[in-house]
Amino acid sequence: MSAALKYEPLFLSEDQEREELEQTLGQVGHRTPAEIDSFASELLGSLGRCEADLQRYTEAENAEIARIRFRYARFRAPIQTRQAMLEGAICALAKQQDFGPKKKSRETANGTYGRKTKAAHLFIDDQDALLAWSLSLPLDKGPAVTTEYSIKQKDAQAYYEKTGCEMPGCRIEKEKEIPFARPDIKGPNSGLSR
């Protein structure tokens, strides 16, 4: 025969704690400064324990997340290596394939491969040279200069696209065709049977 253990909570419930706190705060006007300091100290101790508990749980959560990421990285690494190899092989085929006079890609049973045109892109290599050049132009004729005396990448790119002007401190990567591989993803949730 086993005796049933009676459950007695070690701590007050949140509602009980709130009720006790409100009751005590209601009596603060009748307490001495030393009693109020003692009560404040008790509350500060409770607050410190709460903050320590939260910090401990955050650290434990971060450690678990790091452990999970480490475990899954072992599974991902060989797949990512194979993915890069397959994509490289498909892109090599796309560079060689003649898709016809107007087409740049081909659809297959498992996806699409081909070539696409990547627009010219401007890179700011020397902000000071670009800024000095832009400030020498009449207002509203160059790329927008910020109040911090710099030029944002997107503003320089927009100016280049509008004018075709190659600006000091910038280099242009010309428009080019690049191969691509876009597979149809057939995972366990795609509804396709293998």
N, C-alpha and C. Protein backbone atom coordinates (compact mmCIF):
# COMPACT_ATOMS: atom_id res chain seq x y z
N MET A 1 0.81 -1.17 0.00
CA MET A 1 0.00 0.00 0.00
C MET A 1 0.87 1.25 0.00
N SER A 2 0.56 2.19 -0.87
CA SER A 2 1.37 3.40 -0.91
C SER A 2 0.57 4.58 -0.39
N ALA A 3 1.25 5.43 0.30
CA ALA A 3 0.59 6.62 0.85
C ALA A 3 0.62 7.72 -0.20
N ALA A 4 -0.49 8.39 -0.36
CA ALA A 4 -0.57 9.50 -1.32
C ALA A 4 0.18 10.70 -0.76
N LEU A 5 1.03 11.28 -1.59
CA LEU A 5 1.78 12.46 -1.16
C LEU A 5 0.94 13.70 -1.38
N LYS A 6 0.94 14.58 -0.38
CA LYS A 6 0.20 15.82 -0.51
C LYS A 6 1.11 16.86 -1.17
N TYR A 7 0.59 17.50 -2.24
CA TYR A 7 1.38 18.49 -2.97
C TYR A 7 1.25 19.83 -2.27
N GLU A 8 2.38 20.39 -1.90
CA GLU A 8 2.40 21.73 -1.34
C GLU A 8 3.40 22.55 -2.15
N PRO A 9 2.93 23.61 -2.81
CA PRO A 9 3.83 24.40 -3.65
C PRO A 9 4.91 25.08 -2.82
N LEU A 10 6.11 25.15 -3.39
CA LEU A 10 7.22 25.80 -2.70
C LEU A 10 7.09 27.31 -2.74
N PHE A 11 6.46 27.82 -3.77
CA PHE A 11 6.34 29.26 -3.96
C PHE A 11 4.87 29.64 -4.06
N LEU A 12 4.60 30.89 -3.79
CA LEU A 12 3.24 31.39 -3.97
C LEU A 12 2.92 31.42 -5.46
N SER A 13 1.63 31.24 -5.79
CA SER A 13 1.26 31.36 -7.19
C SER A 13 1.37 32.82 -7.59
N GLU A 14 1.32 33.08 -8.88
CA GLU A 14 1.45 34.45 -9.37
C GLU A 14 0.33 35.32 -8.80
N ASP A 15 -0.90 34.78 -8.76
CA ASP A 15 -2.03 35.54 -8.22
C ASP A 15 -1.84 35.81 -6.72
N GLN A 16 -1.38 34.79 -5.98
CA GLN A 16 -1.16 34.97 -4.54
C GLN A 16 -0.06 36.00 -4.29
N GLU A 17 0.99 35.94 -5.10
CA GLU A 17 2.10 36.88 -4.94
C GLU A 17 1.63 38.30 -5.24
N ARG A 18 0.83 38.45 -6.30
CA ARG A 18 0.33 39.78 -6.67
C ARG A 18 -0.57 40.32 -5.55
N GLU A 19 -1.45 39.46 -5.00
CA GLU A 19 -2.35 39.87 -3.92
C GLU A 19 -1.56 40.30 -2.68
N GLU A 20 -0.55 39.52 -2.32
CA GLU A 20 0.27 39.85 -1.16
C GLU A 20 1.02 41.16 -1.37
N LEU A 21 1.53 41.37 -2.59
CA LEU A 21 2.26 42.59 -2.91
C LEU A 21 1.34 43.80 -2.82
N GLU A 22 0.13 43.68 -3.41
CA GLU A 22 -0.82 44.81 -3.36
C GLU A 22 -1.21 45.12 -1.92
N GLN A 23 -1.41 44.09 -1.12
CA GLN A 23 -1.79 44.28 0.28
C GLN A 23 -0.66 44.99 1.03
N THR A 24 0.56 44.56 0.80
CA THR A 24 1.71 45.16 1.47
C THR A 24 1.92 46.60 1.01
N LEU A 25 1.78 46.85 -0.30
CA LEU A 25 1.96 48.21 -0.81
C LEU A 25 0.89 49.14 -0.26
N GLY A 26 -0.29 48.58 -0.03
CA GLY A 26 -1.37 49.39 0.54
C GLY A 26 -1.07 49.83 1.96
N GLN A 27 -0.19 49.13 2.65
CA GLN A 27 0.14 49.46 4.04
C GLN A 27 1.43 50.28 4.16
N VAL A 28 2.03 50.64 3.02
CA VAL A 28 3.31 51.35 3.05
C VAL A 28 3.20 52.68 3.78
N GLY A 29 2.07 53.35 3.66
CA GLY A 29 1.90 54.64 4.32
C GLY A 29 2.00 54.55 5.83
N HIS A 30 1.79 53.37 6.40
CA HIS A 30 1.82 53.18 7.84
C HIS A 30 3.17 52.60 8.31
N ARG A 31 4.16 52.57 7.45
CA ARG A 31 5.46 51.96 7.79
C ARG A 31 6.52 53.03 7.98
N THR A 32 7.56 52.65 8.71
CA THR A 32 8.70 53.56 8.92
C THR A 32 9.60 53.49 7.69
N PRO A 33 10.45 54.51 7.52
CA PRO A 33 11.40 54.45 6.39
C PRO A 33 12.27 53.20 6.40
N ALA A 34 12.66 52.73 7.58
CA ALA A 34 13.50 51.53 7.67
C ALA A 34 12.71 50.30 7.21
N GLU A 35 11.43 50.23 7.56
CA GLU A 35 10.60 49.10 7.12
C GLU A 35 10.39 49.13 5.61
N ILE A 36 10.20 50.32 5.08
CA ILE A 36 10.03 50.46 3.62
C ILE A 36 11.32 50.05 2.92
N ASP A 37 12.49 50.47 3.45
CA ASP A 37 13.77 50.07 2.87
C ASP A 37 13.93 48.55 2.91
N SER A 38 13.53 47.94 4.01
CA SER A 38 13.63 46.49 4.14
C SER A 38 12.74 45.80 3.10
N PHE A 39 11.53 46.32 2.92
CA PHE A 39 10.60 45.74 1.94
C PHE A 39 11.15 45.93 0.51
N ALA A 40 11.67 47.13 0.23
CA ALA A 40 12.26 47.39 -1.09
C ALA A 40 13.43 46.45 -1.34
N SER A 41 14.23 46.20 -0.31
CA SER A 41 15.36 45.28 -0.45
C SER A 41 14.89 43.87 -0.77
N GLU A 42 13.81 43.44 -0.11
CA GLU A 42 13.25 42.12 -0.38
C GLU A 42 12.76 42.02 -1.83
N LEU A 43 12.07 43.09 -2.28
CA LEU A 43 11.59 43.11 -3.67
C LEU A 43 12.76 43.11 -4.65
N LEU A 44 13.82 43.89 -4.34
CA LEU A 44 15.01 43.91 -5.20
C LEU A 44 15.65 42.54 -5.28
N GLY A 45 15.69 41.82 -4.16
CA GLY A 45 16.23 40.46 -4.17
C GLY A 45 15.42 39.55 -5.08
N SER A 46 14.08 39.66 -5.00
CA SER A 46 13.21 38.86 -5.87
C SER A 46 13.42 39.23 -7.33
N LEU A 47 13.51 40.53 -7.59
CA LEU A 47 13.73 41.00 -8.96
C LEU A 47 15.07 40.48 -9.50
N GLY A 48 16.11 40.51 -8.67
CA GLY A 48 17.43 40.00 -9.08
C GLY A 48 17.38 38.52 -9.41
N ARG A 49 16.63 37.73 -8.60
CA ARG A 49 16.49 36.30 -8.89
C ARG A 49 15.75 36.07 -10.21
N CYS A 50 14.71 36.89 -10.46
CA CYS A 50 13.99 36.78 -11.74
C CYS A 50 14.92 37.04 -12.92
N GLU A 51 15.71 38.12 -12.80
CA GLU A 51 16.63 38.46 -13.89
C GLU A 51 17.70 37.39 -14.08
N ALA A 52 18.19 36.82 -12.98
CA ALA A 52 19.19 35.75 -13.08
C ALA A 52 18.58 34.52 -13.74
N ASP A 53 17.33 34.18 -13.37
CA ASP A 53 16.64 33.04 -13.98
C ASP A 53 16.46 33.25 -15.48
N LEU A 54 16.01 34.46 -15.85
CA LEU A 54 15.82 34.76 -17.28
C LEU A 54 17.14 34.65 -18.04
N GLN A 55 18.21 35.16 -17.46
CA GLN A 55 19.52 35.08 -18.11
C GLN A 55 19.95 33.62 -18.26
N ARG A 56 19.74 32.82 -17.22
CA ARG A 56 20.11 31.40 -17.27
C ARG A 56 19.32 30.68 -18.36
N TYR A 57 18.01 30.94 -18.44
CA TYR A 57 17.19 30.29 -19.47
C TYR A 57 17.60 30.74 -20.87
N THR A 58 17.93 32.01 -21.02
CA THR A 58 18.38 32.50 -22.33
C THR A 58 19.69 31.83 -22.73
N GLU A 59 20.62 31.70 -21.78
CA GLU A 59 21.89 31.03 -22.07
C GLU A 59 21.67 29.55 -22.41
N ALA A 60 20.77 28.90 -21.68
CA ALA A 60 20.47 27.49 -21.97
C ALA A 60 19.83 27.34 -23.34
N GLU A 61 18.91 28.24 -23.66
CA GLU A 61 18.25 28.21 -24.97
C GLU A 61 19.28 28.40 -26.09
N ASN A 62 20.17 29.38 -25.93
CA ASN A 62 21.20 29.63 -26.93
C ASN A 62 22.14 28.43 -27.10
N ALA A 63 22.48 27.78 -25.97
CA ALA A 63 23.34 26.60 -26.04
C ALA A 63 22.65 25.46 -26.78
N GLU A 64 21.35 25.28 -26.51
CA GLU A 64 20.61 24.22 -27.22
C GLU A 64 20.51 24.52 -28.71
N ILE A 65 20.24 25.77 -29.05
CA ILE A 65 20.14 26.16 -30.46
C ILE A 65 21.48 25.92 -31.16
N ALA A 66 22.59 26.29 -30.50
CA ALA A 66 23.92 26.07 -31.08
C ALA A 66 24.19 24.58 -31.29
N ARG A 67 23.79 23.75 -30.31
CA ARG A 67 23.99 22.31 -30.42
C ARG A 67 23.17 21.74 -31.59
N ILE A 68 21.93 22.19 -31.72
CA ILE A 68 21.08 21.72 -32.82
C ILE A 68 21.66 22.15 -34.17
N ARG A 69 22.11 23.40 -34.26
CA ARG A 69 22.70 23.89 -35.53
C ARG A 69 23.95 23.08 -35.88
N PHE A 70 24.76 22.77 -34.87
CA PHE A 70 25.97 21.98 -35.11
C PHE A 70 25.61 20.61 -35.65
N ARG A 71 24.61 19.97 -35.04
CA ARG A 71 24.20 18.63 -35.48
C ARG A 71 23.69 18.66 -36.92
N TYR A 72 22.86 19.64 -37.25
CA TYR A 72 22.31 19.70 -38.61
C TYR A 72 23.36 20.13 -39.63
N ALA A 73 24.37 20.87 -39.21
CA ALA A 73 25.44 21.27 -40.13
C ALA A 73 26.15 20.03 -40.68
N ARG A 74 26.28 18.98 -39.85
CA ARG A 74 26.91 17.74 -40.32
C ARG A 74 26.11 17.11 -41.45
N PHE A 75 24.78 17.24 -41.39
CA PHE A 75 23.94 16.67 -42.44
C PHE A 75 23.96 17.55 -43.69
N ARG A 76 24.01 18.88 -43.48
CA ARG A 76 23.95 19.81 -44.60
C ARG A 76 25.23 19.83 -45.43
N ALA A 77 26.39 19.72 -44.79
CA ALA A 77 27.67 19.90 -45.48
C ALA A 77 27.81 19.02 -46.72
N PRO A 78 27.58 17.71 -46.65
CA PRO A 78 27.74 16.91 -47.87
C PRO A 78 26.68 17.24 -48.93
N ILE A 79 25.50 17.62 -48.48
CA ILE A 79 24.44 17.98 -49.43
C ILE A 79 24.80 19.28 -50.14
N GLN A 80 25.34 20.26 -49.39
CA GLN A 80 25.73 21.52 -50.00
C GLN A 80 26.88 21.33 -50.99
N THR A 81 27.80 20.43 -50.68
CA THR A 81 28.90 20.14 -51.60
C THR A 81 28.36 19.54 -52.89
N ARG A 82 27.46 18.57 -52.76
CA ARG A 82 26.85 17.95 -53.95
C ARG A 82 26.03 18.97 -54.72
N GLN A 83 25.29 19.83 -54.03
CA GLN A 83 24.49 20.86 -54.67
C GLN A 83 25.36 21.78 -55.52
N ALA A 84 26.49 22.22 -54.98
CA ALA A 84 27.39 23.10 -55.72
C ALA A 84 27.97 22.40 -56.94
N MET A 85 28.30 21.12 -56.81
CA MET A 85 28.84 20.36 -57.94
C MET A 85 27.79 20.23 -59.04
N LEU A 86 26.56 19.89 -58.68
CA LEU A 86 25.49 19.72 -59.66
C LEU A 86 25.17 21.05 -60.35
N GLU A 87 25.08 22.12 -59.56
CA GLU A 87 24.79 23.43 -60.13
C GLU A 87 25.90 23.85 -61.10
N GLY A 88 27.16 23.59 -60.72
CA GLY A 88 28.28 23.92 -61.60
C GLY A 88 28.22 23.15 -62.91
N ALA A 89 27.86 21.87 -62.84
CA ALA A 89 27.76 21.06 -64.06
C ALA A 89 26.63 21.56 -64.96
N ILE A 90 25.49 21.91 -64.36
CA ILE A 90 24.35 22.41 -65.16
C ILE A 90 24.69 23.76 -65.78
N CYS A 91 25.37 24.63 -65.04
CA CYS A 91 25.77 25.93 -65.58
C CYS A 91 26.78 25.77 -66.72
N ALA A 92 27.66 24.79 -66.61
CA ALA A 92 28.61 24.51 -67.70
C ALA A 92 27.85 24.08 -68.96
N LEU A 93 26.82 23.25 -68.79
CA LEU A 93 26.00 22.84 -69.92
C LEU A 93 25.27 24.04 -70.52
N ALA A 94 24.76 24.93 -69.67
CA ALA A 94 24.03 26.11 -70.13
C ALA A 94 24.93 27.03 -70.96
N LYS A 95 26.21 27.13 -70.58
CA LYS A 95 27.14 27.96 -71.34
C LYS A 95 27.35 27.42 -72.75
N GLN A 96 27.32 26.09 -72.90
CA GLN A 96 27.59 25.46 -74.19
C GLN A 96 26.35 25.31 -75.06
N GLN A 97 25.18 25.23 -74.45
CA GLN A 97 23.96 24.90 -75.19
C GLN A 97 23.50 26.04 -76.08
N ASP A 98 23.05 25.69 -77.28
CA ASP A 98 22.44 26.64 -78.21
C ASP A 98 20.93 26.51 -78.02
N PHE A 99 20.31 27.52 -77.39
CA PHE A 99 18.88 27.47 -77.12
C PHE A 99 18.04 28.01 -78.27
N GLY A 100 18.69 28.46 -79.32
CA GLY A 100 17.97 29.01 -80.46
C GLY A 100 18.15 30.51 -80.53
N PRO A 101 17.60 31.13 -81.59
CA PRO A 101 17.86 32.55 -81.81
C PRO A 101 17.23 33.48 -80.75
N LYS A 102 16.09 33.13 -80.19
CA LYS A 102 15.43 34.04 -79.26
C LYS A 102 15.38 33.53 -77.82
N LYS A 103 15.59 32.25 -77.63
CA LYS A 103 15.47 31.68 -76.29
C LYS A 103 16.83 31.66 -75.59
N LYS A 104 16.79 31.77 -74.27
CA LYS A 104 18.01 31.71 -73.48
C LYS A 104 17.96 30.59 -72.46
N SER A 105 16.89 29.80 -72.48
CA SER A 105 16.76 28.74 -71.49
C SER A 105 15.91 27.61 -72.05
N ARG A 106 15.89 26.52 -71.32
CA ARG A 106 15.08 25.38 -71.72
C ARG A 106 14.48 24.74 -70.48
N GLU A 107 13.18 24.42 -70.58
CA GLU A 107 12.51 23.69 -69.51
C GLU A 107 12.71 22.20 -69.74
N THR A 108 12.96 21.49 -68.67
CA THR A 108 13.10 20.04 -68.75
C THR A 108 12.09 19.42 -67.78
N ALA A 109 12.07 18.12 -67.70
CA ALA A 109 11.14 17.45 -66.79
C ALA A 109 11.41 17.80 -65.33
N ASN A 110 12.63 18.19 -65.01
CA ASN A 110 12.99 18.45 -63.62
C ASN A 110 13.38 19.89 -63.31
N GLY A 111 13.11 20.80 -64.22
CA GLY A 111 13.45 22.19 -63.95
C GLY A 111 13.86 22.92 -65.22
N THR A 112 14.45 24.10 -65.04
CA THR A 112 14.85 24.95 -66.15
C THR A 112 16.32 25.30 -66.00
N TYR A 113 17.03 25.34 -67.14
CA TYR A 113 18.42 25.80 -67.11
C TYR A 113 18.63 26.70 -68.31
N GLY A 114 19.64 27.53 -68.23
CA GLY A 114 19.90 28.44 -69.34
C GLY A 114 20.85 29.54 -68.94
N ARG A 115 20.70 30.67 -69.64
CA ARG A 115 21.51 31.85 -69.38
C ARG A 115 20.57 33.03 -69.20
N LYS A 116 20.96 33.96 -68.33
CA LYS A 116 20.18 35.19 -68.16
C LYS A 116 21.14 36.37 -68.20
N THR A 117 20.60 37.51 -68.55
CA THR A 117 21.41 38.71 -68.64
C THR A 117 21.43 39.40 -67.29
N LYS A 118 22.61 39.60 -66.77
CA LYS A 118 22.79 40.33 -65.52
C LYS A 118 23.12 41.77 -65.89
N ALA A 119 22.32 42.71 -65.41
CA ALA A 119 22.50 44.13 -65.75
C ALA A 119 23.85 44.64 -65.26
N ALA A 120 24.32 45.71 -65.91
CA ALA A 120 25.56 46.36 -65.48
C ALA A 120 25.38 46.83 -64.04
N HIS A 121 26.43 46.74 -63.26
CA HIS A 121 26.35 47.12 -61.85
C HIS A 121 27.53 47.99 -61.49
N LEU A 122 27.25 49.05 -60.76
CA LEU A 122 28.29 49.99 -60.35
C LEU A 122 28.73 49.67 -58.93
N PHE A 123 30.02 49.73 -58.68
CA PHE A 123 30.58 49.53 -57.34
C PHE A 123 31.34 50.79 -56.96
N ILE A 124 31.11 51.29 -55.77
CA ILE A 124 31.86 52.46 -55.27
C ILE A 124 33.10 51.94 -54.57
N ASP A 125 34.25 52.23 -55.16
CA ASP A 125 35.52 51.81 -54.57
C ASP A 125 36.17 52.93 -53.76
N ASP A 126 35.91 54.19 -54.16
CA ASP A 126 36.54 55.33 -53.50
C ASP A 126 35.48 56.40 -53.28
N GLN A 127 34.86 56.39 -52.13
CA GLN A 127 33.77 57.33 -51.80
C GLN A 127 34.26 58.78 -51.88
N ASP A 128 35.50 59.04 -51.44
CA ASP A 128 36.03 60.41 -51.45
C ASP A 128 36.16 60.95 -52.87
N ALA A 129 36.69 60.16 -53.80
CA ALA A 129 36.84 60.60 -55.19
C ALA A 129 35.46 60.85 -55.81
N LEU A 130 34.51 59.97 -55.56
CA LEU A 130 33.16 60.13 -56.09
C LEU A 130 32.51 61.39 -55.52
N LEU A 131 32.67 61.60 -54.22
CA LEU A 131 32.08 62.76 -53.56
C LEU A 131 32.68 64.06 -54.10
N ALA A 132 34.00 64.12 -54.25
CA ALA A 132 34.66 65.33 -54.78
C ALA A 132 34.15 65.63 -56.18
N TRP A 133 34.03 64.63 -57.01
CA TRP A 133 33.53 64.82 -58.38
C TRP A 133 32.09 65.31 -58.36
N SER A 134 31.23 64.69 -57.51
CA SER A 134 29.82 65.04 -57.47
C SER A 134 29.61 66.47 -56.97
N LEU A 135 30.43 66.89 -55.98
CA LEU A 135 30.30 68.25 -55.45
C LEU A 135 30.76 69.31 -56.44
N SER A 136 31.55 68.92 -57.45
CA SER A 136 32.00 69.88 -58.46
C SER A 136 30.94 70.13 -59.53
N LEU A 137 29.89 69.32 -59.55
CA LEU A 137 28.81 69.49 -60.53
C LEU A 137 27.79 70.52 -60.02
N PRO A 138 27.02 71.12 -60.94
CA PRO A 138 25.93 71.99 -60.49
C PRO A 138 24.92 71.16 -59.68
N LEU A 139 24.22 71.83 -58.75
CA LEU A 139 23.23 71.13 -57.93
C LEU A 139 22.24 70.39 -58.81
N ASP A 140 21.77 69.25 -58.36
CA ASP A 140 20.78 68.41 -59.05
C ASP A 140 21.29 67.82 -60.36
N LYS A 141 22.60 67.86 -60.61
CA LYS A 141 23.13 67.28 -61.85
C LYS A 141 23.88 65.97 -61.61
N GLY A 142 24.25 65.69 -60.38
CA GLY A 142 24.98 64.46 -60.07
C GLY A 142 24.15 63.59 -59.14
N PRO A 143 24.72 62.47 -58.70
CA PRO A 143 24.01 61.64 -57.74
C PRO A 143 23.81 62.38 -56.41
N ALA A 144 22.75 62.06 -55.70
CA ALA A 144 22.40 62.75 -54.46
C ALA A 144 23.48 62.58 -53.41
N VAL A 145 23.87 63.70 -52.79
CA VAL A 145 24.85 63.70 -51.72
C VAL A 145 24.09 63.79 -50.41
N THR A 146 24.39 62.91 -49.46
CA THR A 146 23.69 62.92 -48.18
C THR A 146 24.24 64.02 -47.29
N THR A 147 23.55 64.30 -46.20
CA THR A 147 24.01 65.33 -45.27
C THR A 147 25.30 64.92 -44.58
N GLU A 148 25.63 63.63 -44.60
CA GLU A 148 26.90 63.16 -44.03
C GLU A 148 28.02 63.22 -45.06
N TYR A 149 27.76 63.85 -46.19
CA TYR A 149 28.71 63.95 -47.29
C TYR A 149 29.21 62.60 -47.75
N SER A 150 28.25 61.81 -48.19
CA SER A 150 28.57 60.54 -48.84
C SER A 150 27.51 60.32 -49.91
N ILE A 151 27.75 59.35 -50.76
CA ILE A 151 26.80 59.03 -51.83
C ILE A 151 26.40 57.58 -51.64
N LYS A 152 25.10 57.35 -51.61
CA LYS A 152 24.60 55.99 -51.42
C LYS A 152 24.77 55.19 -52.70
N GLN A 153 25.00 53.90 -52.53
CA GLN A 153 25.18 52.97 -53.65
C GLN A 153 24.02 53.06 -54.63
N LYS A 154 22.79 53.02 -54.11
CA LYS A 154 21.62 53.01 -54.99
C LYS A 154 21.50 54.31 -55.78
N ASP A 155 21.90 55.45 -55.20
CA ASP A 155 21.84 56.72 -55.91
C ASP A 155 22.89 56.78 -57.03
N ALA A 156 24.09 56.27 -56.73
CA ALA A 156 25.14 56.23 -57.76
C ALA A 156 24.73 55.29 -58.89
N GLN A 157 24.14 54.14 -58.54
CA GLN A 157 23.67 53.18 -59.55
C GLN A 157 22.59 53.82 -60.43
N ALA A 158 21.63 54.50 -59.80
CA ALA A 158 20.54 55.14 -60.56
C ALA A 158 21.10 56.22 -61.50
N TYR A 159 22.06 57.00 -61.02
CA TYR A 159 22.67 58.04 -61.85
C TYR A 159 23.38 57.40 -63.04
N TYR A 160 24.11 56.33 -62.80
CA TYR A 160 24.81 55.64 -63.88
C TYR A 160 23.82 55.10 -64.91
N GLU A 161 22.74 54.48 -64.43
CA GLU A 161 21.75 53.92 -65.36
C GLU A 161 21.08 55.01 -66.18
N LYS A 162 20.87 56.19 -65.59
CA LYS A 162 20.22 57.30 -66.28
C LYS A 162 21.14 57.97 -67.29
N THR A 163 22.43 58.14 -66.92
CA THR A 163 23.34 58.93 -67.76
C THR A 163 24.38 58.10 -68.50
N GLY A 164 24.72 56.92 -67.98
CA GLY A 164 25.80 56.13 -68.57
C GLY A 164 27.17 56.67 -68.22
N CYS A 165 27.22 57.69 -67.36
CA CYS A 165 28.47 58.34 -66.98
C CYS A 165 29.25 57.46 -66.02
N GLU A 166 30.52 57.16 -66.33
CA GLU A 166 31.38 56.42 -65.42
C GLU A 166 32.04 57.43 -64.51
N MET A 167 31.73 57.33 -63.23
CA MET A 167 32.14 58.33 -62.25
C MET A 167 33.46 57.94 -61.58
N PRO A 168 34.27 58.96 -61.17
CA PRO A 168 35.51 58.67 -60.45
C PRO A 168 35.21 57.93 -59.15
N GLY A 169 36.11 57.04 -58.78
CA GLY A 169 35.94 56.29 -57.55
C GLY A 169 35.01 55.10 -57.69
N CYS A 170 34.53 54.86 -58.90
CA CYS A 170 33.59 53.76 -59.13
C CYS A 170 34.12 52.84 -60.22
N ARG A 171 33.71 51.61 -60.17
CA ARG A 171 34.01 50.69 -61.27
C ARG A 171 32.70 50.08 -61.71
N ILE A 172 32.64 49.76 -62.98
CA ILE A 172 31.41 49.22 -63.56
C ILE A 172 31.65 47.77 -63.95
N GLU A 173 30.78 46.92 -63.50
CA GLU A 173 30.77 45.54 -63.98
C GLU A 173 29.75 45.52 -65.11
N LYS A 174 30.23 45.33 -66.33
CA LYS A 174 29.38 45.42 -67.51
C LYS A 174 28.31 44.34 -67.52
N GLU A 175 27.26 44.60 -68.29
CA GLU A 175 26.19 43.62 -68.46
C GLU A 175 26.78 42.34 -69.03
N LYS A 176 26.31 41.22 -68.53
CA LYS A 176 26.83 39.95 -69.03
C LYS A 176 25.78 38.87 -68.86
N GLU A 177 25.95 37.82 -69.64
CA GLU A 177 25.07 36.67 -69.52
C GLU A 177 25.70 35.70 -68.53
N ILE A 178 24.88 35.20 -67.63
CA ILE A 178 25.37 34.23 -66.67
C ILE A 178 24.47 33.00 -66.72
N PRO A 179 25.04 31.82 -66.56
CA PRO A 179 24.22 30.61 -66.59
C PRO A 179 23.45 30.46 -65.28
N PHE A 180 22.35 29.72 -65.35
CA PHE A 180 21.59 29.47 -64.13
C PHE A 180 20.99 28.07 -64.18
N ALA A 181 20.66 27.57 -63.00
CA ALA A 181 19.98 26.27 -62.86
C ALA A 181 18.86 26.48 -61.85
N ARG A 182 17.62 26.17 -62.24
CA ARG A 182 16.46 26.34 -61.36
C ARG A 182 15.68 25.03 -61.34
N PRO A 183 16.01 24.16 -60.38
CA PRO A 183 15.32 22.86 -60.34
C PRO A 183 13.91 22.98 -59.77
N ASP A 184 13.05 22.04 -60.16
CA ASP A 184 11.77 21.89 -59.49
C ASP A 184 12.08 21.14 -58.20
N ILE A 185 11.71 21.71 -57.09
CA ILE A 185 12.05 21.10 -55.80
C ILE A 185 11.04 20.00 -55.49
N LYS A 186 11.58 18.80 -55.25
CA LYS A 186 10.74 17.64 -54.97
C LYS A 186 11.08 17.11 -53.60
N GLY A 187 10.57 17.80 -52.60
CA GLY A 187 10.81 17.37 -51.23
C GLY A 187 9.67 16.51 -50.72
N PRO A 188 9.74 16.11 -49.46
CA PRO A 188 8.73 15.23 -48.90
C PRO A 188 7.35 15.88 -48.82
N ASN A 189 7.29 17.22 -48.86
CA ASN A 189 6.00 17.90 -48.75
C ASN A 189 5.47 18.38 -50.09
N SER A 190 6.09 17.97 -51.18
CA SER A 190 5.66 18.47 -52.50
C SER A 190 4.49 17.70 -53.06
N GLY A 191 4.12 16.61 -52.46
CA GLY A 191 2.99 15.82 -52.95
C GLY A 191 3.37 14.88 -54.08
N LEU A 192 4.64 14.83 -54.43
CA LEU A 192 5.09 13.96 -55.51
C LEU A 192 5.66 12.68 -54.91
N SER A 193 5.35 11.57 -55.51
CA SER A 193 5.92 10.31 -55.02
C SER A 193 7.21 10.03 -55.76
N ARG A 194 8.06 9.28 -55.14
CA ARG A 194 9.38 9.01 -55.75
C ARG A 194 9.39 7.67 -56.39
